[in-house]
Amino acid sequence: MFSITVRDHVMIAHSFRGEVFGPAQRLHGATFLVDATFKRAELDSDNIVVDIGLATQELGKVLAAFNYRNLDEEPQFAGINTSTEWLAKYIADQLAEKVLEGALGEGAHGIDAIAVTLHESHVAWAGYERALRTAG
């Protein structure tokens, strides 16, 4: 399996519901280093996984939609515990939509999977990987 990874970051505020979260039930900030990995079994006709510039650009757009925001106040996150794991899935799903819409170029239609990892710190991170079925 071939892969490329692009990286960005996002700064958010949020709170959690549930005793398991302890002090994180209160409003707090988080800065995540975000890695998005695009995977495919075969390279495209240009011998690449995906255009790295477009992948970087589209990851930036996905993150810009909630960067510097209190997720507790954003309608798309209403009533959701926006855990690191859940945010990784959300970002992966948004990137999958970008691929399906053609925003990462026609060659991207051969991508088999997208994996997103959110690094909370140098010692803790969480991720999500999803299959991607496209027309190409």
Protein backbone atom coordinates (compact mmCIF):
# COMPACT_ATOMS: atom_id res chain seq x y z
CA MET A 1 0.00 0.00 0.00
CA PHE A 2 1.37 3.42 -0.98
CA SER A 3 0.73 6.46 1.21
CA ILE A 4 1.39 10.16 1.62
CA THR A 5 0.79 12.19 4.74
CA VAL A 6 0.14 15.91 5.03
CA ARG A 7 0.17 17.84 8.29
CA ASP A 8 -1.53 20.91 9.75
CA HIS A 9 -2.83 21.99 13.15
CA VAL A 10 -6.05 23.23 14.68
CA MET A 11 -6.80 25.14 17.89
CA ILE A 12 -10.17 24.62 19.57
CA ALA A 13 -12.01 24.97 22.85
CA HIS A 14 -14.57 22.45 24.11
CA SER A 15 -15.91 20.65 27.15
CA PHE A 16 -17.09 17.11 27.80
CA ARG A 17 -20.04 15.49 29.50
CA GLY A 18 -19.40 12.46 31.70
CA GLU A 19 -17.49 11.59 34.86
CA VAL A 20 -14.82 9.74 32.85
CA PHE A 21 -13.55 13.12 31.62
CA GLY A 22 -12.83 14.50 35.11
CA PRO A 23 -11.63 18.14 34.92
CA ALA A 24 -12.03 18.14 31.12
CA GLN A 25 -15.76 18.49 31.75
CA ARG A 26 -14.99 22.18 32.15
CA LEU A 27 -14.31 24.35 29.12
CA HIS A 28 -10.68 23.96 28.03
CA GLY A 29 -8.52 24.54 25.00
CA ALA A 30 -6.66 22.08 22.83
CA THR A 31 -4.16 22.40 20.03
CA PHE A 32 -3.96 19.35 17.80
CA LEU A 33 -1.25 18.50 15.31
CA VAL A 34 -3.22 16.82 12.51
CA ASP A 35 -1.81 14.19 10.13
CA ALA A 36 -3.93 13.07 7.19
CA THR A 37 -2.67 9.98 5.37
CA PHE A 38 -3.99 8.99 1.96
CA LYS A 39 -3.48 5.33 0.96
CA ARG A 40 -3.82 3.38 -2.26
CA ALA A 41 -2.75 0.00 -3.61
CA GLU A 42 -1.58 1.34 -6.98
CA LEU A 43 -0.15 4.73 -7.93
CA ASP A 44 -2.08 6.92 -10.37
CA SER A 45 -1.01 7.60 -13.97
CA ASP A 46 1.47 10.22 -12.67
CA ASN A 47 2.98 7.68 -10.22
CA ILE A 48 1.68 9.51 -7.14
CA VAL A 49 -0.85 8.73 -4.42
CA VAL A 50 -2.47 12.16 -4.62
CA ASP A 51 -1.42 15.71 -5.40
CA ILE A 52 0.31 16.68 -2.16
CA GLY A 53 -0.47 20.37 -2.69
CA LEU A 54 -4.19 19.72 -3.09
CA ALA A 55 -4.18 17.36 -0.10
CA THR A 56 -2.52 20.03 2.04
CA GLN A 57 -4.93 22.70 0.81
CA GLU A 58 -8.05 20.63 1.44
CA LEU A 59 -6.92 19.54 4.91
CA GLY A 60 -6.42 23.24 5.69
CA LYS A 61 -9.95 24.04 4.51
CA VAL A 62 -11.48 21.27 6.62
CA LEU A 63 -9.67 22.51 9.73
CA ALA A 64 -10.39 26.19 9.02
CA ALA A 65 -14.11 25.47 9.41
CA PHE A 66 -13.64 25.05 13.18
CA ASN A 67 -10.20 26.50 13.98
CA TYR A 68 -10.18 29.00 16.88
CA ARG A 69 -13.75 28.03 17.73
CA ASN A 70 -15.52 26.79 20.82
CA LEU A 71 -16.92 23.51 19.51
CA ASP A 72 -19.62 23.61 22.21
CA GLU A 73 -21.11 26.59 20.33
CA GLU A 74 -20.89 25.16 16.79
CA PRO A 75 -24.20 23.74 15.47
CA GLN A 76 -22.56 20.78 13.68
CA PHE A 77 -21.14 19.60 17.03
CA ALA A 78 -24.24 20.18 19.18
CA GLY A 79 -24.66 17.54 21.87
CA ILE A 80 -21.49 15.65 20.85
CA ASN A 81 -18.52 14.86 23.07
CA THR A 82 -15.88 16.06 20.62
CA SER A 83 -13.19 13.67 21.82
CA THR A 84 -9.91 13.39 19.98
CA GLU A 85 -11.05 10.07 18.52
CA TRP A 86 -14.35 11.52 17.34
CA LEU A 87 -12.64 14.55 15.79
CA ALA A 88 -10.25 12.26 13.89
CA LYS A 89 -13.27 10.50 12.34
CA TYR A 90 -14.99 13.80 11.58
CA ILE A 91 -11.91 15.11 9.75
CA ALA A 92 -11.44 11.82 7.85
CA ASP A 93 -15.08 11.91 6.73
CA GLN A 94 -14.75 15.54 5.60
CA LEU A 95 -11.63 14.66 3.58
CA ALA A 96 -13.42 11.68 2.04
CA GLU A 97 -16.17 14.04 0.86
CA LYS A 98 -13.51 16.30 -0.69
CA VAL A 99 -12.10 13.32 -2.61
CA LEU A 100 -15.55 12.29 -3.82
CA GLU A 101 -16.30 15.87 -4.93
CA GLY A 102 -13.08 15.90 -6.97
CA ALA A 103 -11.36 18.58 -4.89
CA LEU A 104 -8.15 16.52 -4.73
CA GLY A 105 -8.06 15.95 -8.50
CA GLU A 106 -9.18 13.13 -10.75
CA GLY A 107 -6.19 10.96 -9.76
CA ALA A 108 -7.46 10.90 -6.18
CA HIS A 109 -10.40 8.71 -7.20
CA GLY A 110 -8.09 5.71 -6.75
CA ILE A 111 -7.52 6.35 -3.04
CA ASP A 112 -8.45 3.27 -1.00
CA ALA A 113 -8.31 4.71 2.53
CA ILE A 114 -7.80 7.87 4.56
CA ALA A 115 -6.31 7.84 8.06
CA VAL A 116 -6.32 10.87 10.34
CA THR A 117 -4.24 11.18 13.51
CA LEU A 118 -4.66 13.99 16.03
CA HIS A 119 -1.67 14.50 18.29
CA GLU A 120 -2.71 16.01 21.63
CA SER A 121 0.89 16.12 22.84
CA HIS A 122 4.22 14.42 22.33
CA VAL A 123 2.98 11.46 24.37
CA ALA A 124 -0.69 11.07 23.40
CA TRP A 125 -2.60 10.86 20.13
CA ALA A 126 -5.65 9.22 18.61
CA GLY A 127 -6.69 8.34 15.10
CA TYR A 128 -9.28 6.97 12.74
CA GLU A 129 -8.94 5.17 9.43
CA ARG A 130 -11.73 4.68 6.92
CA ALA A 131 -12.05 2.95 3.59
CA LEU A 132 -12.84 5.10 0.60
CA ARG A 133 -14.85 3.78 -2.31
CA THR A 134 -14.82 6.07 -5.33
CA ALA A 135 -15.93 5.92 -8.95
CA GLY A 136 -12.34 5.59 -10.21
